[in-house]
Amino acid sequence: MDDIIKKIVEVEKGCSEDVEHAALEYRRKIDTLKYELENKKAQAEAEILESNRKRATSLIEDANEQVKAELKEIHKETDLLIQDRELCKAIKERIVLIVLGT
């Protein structure tokens, strides 16, 4: 009977060691996979941030170009208004001269 108990204990000990070894191996695989996935996640986040940064930079540059173009048009219109005022003033003075001259 003692022999049977010893054999059972040996078999259980061997199985227990196999289970512990398998569990340790799976923990290592899980840790490795987790590390790889965390690296992929960090890389994906970095790519997304870089893409958004480039997109934002492009939008800002486009907006700046649009503002510059609009300011250029405003300056042109302002210059035209100033010239028109001078033209109106010159015409009025000419009309006054014509009226006073006759």
C-alpha atoms as a PDB file:
ATOM      1  CA  MET A   1       0.000   0.000   0.000  1.00  0.00           C
ATOM      2  CA  ASP A   2       2.860   2.354   0.774  1.00  0.00           C
ATOM      3  CA  ASP A   3       4.260   1.666  -2.688  1.00  0.00           C
ATOM      4  CA  ILE A   4       0.985   2.654  -4.317  1.00  0.00           C
ATOM      5  CA  ILE A   5       0.820   5.861  -2.296  1.00  0.00           C
ATOM      6  CA  LYS A   6       4.446   6.668  -3.185  1.00  0.00           C
ATOM      7  CA  LYS A   7       3.735   6.085  -6.898  1.00  0.00           C
ATOM      8  CA  ILE A   8       0.612   8.252  -6.743  1.00  0.00           C
ATOM      9  CA  VAL A   9       2.553  11.013  -4.949  1.00  0.00           C
ATOM     10  CA  GLU A  10       5.358  10.767  -7.563  1.00  0.00           C
ATOM     11  CA  VAL A  11       2.870  10.908 -10.435  1.00  0.00           C
ATOM     12  CA  GLU A  12       1.084  13.883  -8.843  1.00  0.00           C
ATOM     13  CA  LYS A  13       4.432  15.593  -8.211  1.00  0.00           C
ATOM     14  CA  GLY A  14       5.459  15.022 -11.832  1.00  0.00           C
ATOM     15  CA  CYS A  15       2.121  16.286 -13.107  1.00  0.00           C
ATOM     16  CA  SER A  16       2.303  19.267 -10.771  1.00  0.00           C
ATOM     17  CA  GLU A  17       5.770  20.116 -12.081  1.00  0.00           C
ATOM     18  CA  ASP A  18       4.538  19.781 -15.679  1.00  0.00           C
ATOM     19  CA  VAL A  19       1.594  22.065 -14.906  1.00  0.00           C
ATOM     20  CA  GLU A  20       3.874  24.627 -13.222  1.00  0.00           C
ATOM     21  CA  HIS A  21       6.301  24.476 -16.154  1.00  0.00           C
ATOM     22  CA  ALA A  22       3.449  24.879 -18.669  1.00  0.00           C
ATOM     23  CA  ALA A  23       1.960  27.752 -16.647  1.00  0.00           C
ATOM     24  CA  LEU A  24       5.342  29.486 -16.495  1.00  0.00           C
ATOM     25  CA  GLU A  25       5.848  29.007 -20.240  1.00  0.00           C
ATOM     26  CA  TYR A  26       2.403  30.450 -20.993  1.00  0.00           C
ATOM     27  CA  ARG A  27       3.039  33.410 -18.671  1.00  0.00           C
ATOM     28  CA  ARG A  28       6.254  34.091 -20.595  1.00  0.00           C
ATOM     29  CA  LYS A  29       4.419  33.878 -23.911  1.00  0.00           C
ATOM     30  CA  ILE A  30       1.648  36.141 -22.601  1.00  0.00           C
ATOM     31  CA  ASP A  31       4.185  38.667 -21.287  1.00  0.00           C
ATOM     32  CA  THR A  32       6.040  38.635 -24.617  1.00  0.00           C
ATOM     33  CA  LEU A  33       2.815  39.080 -26.555  1.00  0.00           C
ATOM     34  CA  LYS A  34       1.670  41.824 -24.183  1.00  0.00           C
ATOM     35  CA  TYR A  35       4.993  43.644 -24.649  1.00  0.00           C
ATOM     36  CA  GLU A  36       4.736  43.354 -28.448  1.00  0.00           C
ATOM     37  CA  LEU A  37       1.141  44.595 -28.421  1.00  0.00           C
ATOM     38  CA  GLU A  38       2.015  47.535 -26.167  1.00  0.00           C
ATOM     39  CA  ASN A  39       4.806  48.470 -28.583  1.00  0.00           C
ATOM     40  CA  LYS A  40       2.424  48.247 -31.545  1.00  0.00           C
ATOM     41  CA  LYS A  41      -0.091  50.368 -29.644  1.00  0.00           C
ATOM     42  CA  ALA A  42       2.539  52.996 -28.823  1.00  0.00           C
ATOM     43  CA  GLN A  43       3.690  53.035 -32.447  1.00  0.00           C
ATOM     44  CA  ALA A  44       0.114  53.372 -33.723  1.00  0.00           C
ATOM     45  CA  GLU A  45      -0.544  56.219 -31.281  1.00  0.00           C
ATOM     46  CA  ALA A  46       2.651  57.955 -32.399  1.00  0.00           C
ATOM     47  CA  GLU A  47       1.646  57.574 -36.059  1.00  0.00           C
ATOM     48  CA  ILE A  48      -1.833  58.949 -35.349  1.00  0.00           C
ATOM     49  CA  LEU A  49      -0.409  61.914 -33.445  1.00  0.00           C
ATOM     50  CA  GLU A  50       2.098  62.626 -36.218  1.00  0.00           C
ATOM     51  CA  SER A  51      -0.631  62.376 -38.851  1.00  0.00           C
ATOM     52  CA  ASN A  52      -2.838  64.775 -36.890  1.00  0.00           C
ATOM     53  CA  ARG A  53       0.090  67.150 -36.369  1.00  0.00           C
ATOM     54  CA  LYS A  54       0.808  67.177 -40.108  1.00  0.00           C
ATOM     55  CA  ARG A  55      -2.877  67.681 -40.881  1.00  0.00           C
ATOM     56  CA  ALA A  56      -3.144  70.541 -38.384  1.00  0.00           C
ATOM     57  CA  THR A  57       0.021  72.140 -39.763  1.00  0.00           C
ATOM     58  CA  SER A  58      -1.345  71.871 -43.282  1.00  0.00           C
ATOM     59  CA  LEU A  59      -4.682  73.389 -42.251  1.00  0.00           C
ATOM     60  CA  ILE A  60      -2.913  76.252 -40.481  1.00  0.00           C
ATOM     61  CA  GLU A  61      -0.716  76.911 -43.506  1.00  0.00           C
ATOM     62  CA  ASP A  62      -3.770  76.886 -45.789  1.00  0.00           C
ATOM     63  CA  ALA A  63      -5.587  79.278 -43.469  1.00  0.00           C
ATOM     64  CA  ASN A  64      -2.547  81.586 -43.387  1.00  0.00           C
ATOM     65  CA  GLU A  65      -2.397  81.604 -47.187  1.00  0.00           C
ATOM     66  CA  GLN A  66      -6.095  82.394 -47.363  1.00  0.00           C
ATOM     67  CA  VAL A  67      -5.718  85.233 -44.848  1.00  0.00           C
ATOM     68  CA  LYS A  68      -2.768  86.640 -46.800  1.00  0.00           C
ATOM     69  CA  ALA A  69      -4.780  86.532 -50.038  1.00  0.00           C
ATOM     70  CA  GLU A  70      -7.752  88.222 -48.388  1.00  0.00           C
ATOM     71  CA  LEU A  71      -5.530  90.912 -46.856  1.00  0.00           C
ATOM     72  CA  LYS A  72      -3.998  91.529 -50.265  1.00  0.00           C
ATOM     73  CA  GLU A  73      -7.494  92.005 -51.721  1.00  0.00           C
ATOM     74  CA  ILE A  74      -8.430  94.353 -48.866  1.00  0.00           C
ATOM     75  CA  HIS A  75      -5.330  96.434 -49.518  1.00  0.00           C
ATOM     76  CA  LYS A  76      -6.195  96.603 -53.215  1.00  0.00           C
ATOM     77  CA  GLU A  77      -9.750  97.694 -52.433  1.00  0.00           C
ATOM     78  CA  THR A  78      -8.491 100.246 -49.912  1.00  0.00           C
ATOM     79  CA  ASP A  79      -6.121 101.666 -52.505  1.00  0.00           C
ATOM     80  CA  LEU A  80      -8.960 101.826 -55.036  1.00  0.00           C
ATOM     81  CA  LEU A  81     -11.181 103.611 -52.517  1.00  0.00           C
ATOM     82  CA  ILE A  82      -8.450 106.128 -51.783  1.00  0.00           C
ATOM     83  CA  GLN A  83      -7.934 106.706 -55.502  1.00  0.00           C
ATOM     84  CA  ASP A  84     -11.683 107.027 -56.061  1.00  0.00           C
ATOM     85  CA  ARG A  85     -11.939 109.631 -53.284  1.00  0.00           C
ATOM     86  CA  GLU A  86      -9.168 111.623 -54.880  1.00  0.00           C
ATOM     87  CA  LEU A  87     -10.858 111.277 -58.243  1.00  0.00           C
ATOM     88  CA  CYS A  88     -14.191 112.428 -56.776  1.00  0.00           C
ATOM     89  CA  LYS A  89     -12.474 115.353 -55.099  1.00  0.00           C
ATOM     90  CA  ALA A  90     -10.751 116.307 -58.349  1.00  0.00           C
ATOM     91  CA  ILE A  91     -14.033 116.084 -60.271  1.00  0.00           C
ATOM     92  CA  LYS A  92     -15.822 118.232 -57.675  1.00  0.00           C
ATOM     93  CA  GLU A  93     -13.063 120.821 -57.812  1.00  0.00           C
ATOM     94  CA  ARG A  94     -13.206 120.796 -61.604  1.00  0.00           C
ATOM     95  CA  ILE A  95     -16.997 121.244 -61.536  1.00  0.00           C
ATOM     96  CA  VAL A  96     -16.649 124.141 -59.066  1.00  0.00           C
ATOM     97  CA  LEU A  97     -14.056 125.736 -61.328  1.00  0.00           C
ATOM     98  CA  ILE A  98     -16.271 125.304 -64.337  1.00  0.00           C
ATOM     99  CA  VAL A  99     -19.305 126.735 -62.534  1.00  0.00           C
ATOM    100  CA  LEU A 100     -17.325 129.649 -61.119  1.00  0.00           C
ATOM    101  CA  GLY A 101     -15.609 130.269 -64.416  1.00  0.00           C
ATOM    102  CA  THR A 102     -18.802 130.803 -66.328  1.00  0.00           C
END
